[in-house]
Amino acid sequence: MYYSETKVIMGGLAHVPILIFLVNFIKGKFESMTSKVVAVKTEKPKEKVVEYKEEEVKSEEINVSKG
């Protein structure tokens, strides 16, 4: 049995609110997931401070290494 053009259009229009609801529901789920990820990444990473020692090099050692 064939449907008239009017019934097809009315059926399509009836489903538009359902589709909008589904799209907004999925969009809301992704927004809540991304906000959790951003909240985790905003923490400052731990930094390790390393000190270095400067050694004095004698002129004798420089002459030995050059020659």
C-alpha atoms as a PDB file:
ATOM      1  CA  MET A   1       0.000   0.000   0.000  1.00  0.00           C
ATOM      2  CA  TYR A   2       1.348   3.385  -1.009  1.00  0.00           C
ATOM      3  CA  TYR A   3       1.325   6.418   1.259  1.00  0.00           C
ATOM      4  CA  SER A   4       0.214   9.776  -0.016  1.00  0.00           C
ATOM      5  CA  GLU A   5       2.731  12.600  -0.173  1.00  0.00           C
ATOM      6  CA  THR A   6       0.972  14.383   2.689  1.00  0.00           C
ATOM      7  CA  LYS A   7       1.290  11.406   5.025  1.00  0.00           C
ATOM      8  CA  VAL A   8       4.994  11.036   4.193  1.00  0.00           C
ATOM      9  CA  ILE A   9       5.666  14.717   4.917  1.00  0.00           C
ATOM     10  CA  MET A  10       3.642  14.634   8.151  1.00  0.00           C
ATOM     11  CA  GLY A  11       5.490  11.517   9.288  1.00  0.00           C
ATOM     12  CA  GLY A  12       8.841  13.169   8.575  1.00  0.00           C
ATOM     13  CA  LEU A  13       7.870  16.302  10.468  1.00  0.00           C
ATOM     14  CA  ALA A  14       6.679  14.220  13.411  1.00  0.00           C
ATOM     15  CA  HIS A  15      10.130  12.634  13.730  1.00  0.00           C
ATOM     16  CA  VAL A  16      12.108  15.908  13.646  1.00  0.00           C
ATOM     17  CA  PRO A  17      11.687  16.623  17.407  1.00  0.00           C
ATOM     18  CA  ILE A  18      12.833  13.079  18.203  1.00  0.00           C
ATOM     19  CA  LEU A  19      15.950  13.529  16.070  1.00  0.00           C
ATOM     20  CA  ILE A  20      16.699  16.915  17.677  1.00  0.00           C
ATOM     21  CA  PHE A  21      16.369  15.345  21.134  1.00  0.00           C
ATOM     22  CA  LEU A  22      18.782  12.534  20.229  1.00  0.00           C
ATOM     23  CA  VAL A  23      21.364  14.916  18.764  1.00  0.00           C
ATOM     24  CA  ASN A  24      21.232  17.198  21.834  1.00  0.00           C
ATOM     25  CA  PHE A  25      21.474  14.179  24.159  1.00  0.00           C
ATOM     26  CA  ILE A  26      24.590  12.873  22.402  1.00  0.00           C
ATOM     27  CA  LYS A  27      26.113  16.374  22.291  1.00  0.00           C
ATOM     28  CA  GLY A  28      25.539  16.766  26.035  1.00  0.00           C
ATOM     29  CA  LYS A  29      27.275  13.466  26.776  1.00  0.00           C
ATOM     30  CA  PHE A  30      30.367  14.504  24.802  1.00  0.00           C
ATOM     31  CA  GLU A  31      30.476  17.925  26.479  1.00  0.00           C
ATOM     32  CA  SER A  32      30.407  16.344  29.931  1.00  0.00           C
ATOM     33  CA  MET A  33      33.207  13.942  28.949  1.00  0.00           C
ATOM     34  CA  THR A  34      35.396  16.724  27.554  1.00  0.00           C
ATOM     35  CA  SER A  35      34.905  18.903  30.633  1.00  0.00           C
ATOM     36  CA  LYS A  36      36.225  16.045  32.795  1.00  0.00           C
ATOM     37  CA  VAL A  37      39.271  15.644  30.559  1.00  0.00           C
ATOM     38  CA  VAL A  38      39.999  19.369  30.631  1.00  0.00           C
ATOM     39  CA  ALA A  39      39.659  19.449  34.409  1.00  0.00           C
ATOM     40  CA  VAL A  40      42.236  16.696  34.766  1.00  0.00           C
ATOM     41  CA  LYS A  41      44.710  18.363  32.414  1.00  0.00           C
ATOM     42  CA  THR A  42      44.590  21.730  34.201  1.00  0.00           C
ATOM     43  CA  GLU A  43      46.664  20.370  37.086  1.00  0.00           C
ATOM     44  CA  LYS A  44      50.215  21.697  37.084  1.00  0.00           C
ATOM     45  CA  PRO A  45      52.754  18.977  36.326  1.00  0.00           C
ATOM     46  CA  LYS A  46      55.385  18.231  38.934  1.00  0.00           C
ATOM     47  CA  GLU A  47      58.775  19.701  38.152  1.00  0.00           C
ATOM     48  CA  LYS A  48      62.067  18.333  39.321  1.00  0.00           C
ATOM     49  CA  VAL A  49      64.642  20.980  40.160  1.00  0.00           C
ATOM     50  CA  VAL A  50      68.164  19.902  39.378  1.00  0.00           C
ATOM     51  CA  GLU A  51      71.168  21.884  40.523  1.00  0.00           C
ATOM     52  CA  TYR A  52      74.479  21.677  38.738  1.00  0.00           C
ATOM     53  CA  LYS A  53      77.955  22.326  39.958  1.00  0.00           C
ATOM     54  CA  GLU A  54      80.459  24.392  38.058  1.00  0.00           C
ATOM     55  CA  GLU A  55      83.960  23.053  38.175  1.00  0.00           C
ATOM     56  CA  GLU A  56      87.001  25.193  37.787  1.00  0.00           C
ATOM     57  CA  VAL A  57      89.286  24.060  35.005  1.00  0.00           C
ATOM     58  CA  LYS A  58      92.962  24.719  35.496  1.00  0.00           C
ATOM     59  CA  SER A  59      94.978  26.160  32.647  1.00  0.00           C
ATOM     60  CA  GLU A  60      97.305  23.145  32.809  1.00  0.00           C
ATOM     61  CA  GLU A  61      94.407  20.775  32.023  1.00  0.00           C
ATOM     62  CA  ILE A  62      93.377  22.874  29.036  1.00  0.00           C
ATOM     63  CA  ASN A  63      96.898  22.816  27.616  1.00  0.00           C
ATOM     64  CA  VAL A  64      97.135  19.036  28.083  1.00  0.00           C
ATOM     65  CA  SER A  65      93.808  18.398  26.339  1.00  0.00           C
ATOM     66  CA  LYS A  66      94.733  20.621  23.366  1.00  0.00           C
ATOM     67  CA  GLY A  67      98.120  19.105  22.750  1.00  0.00           C
END
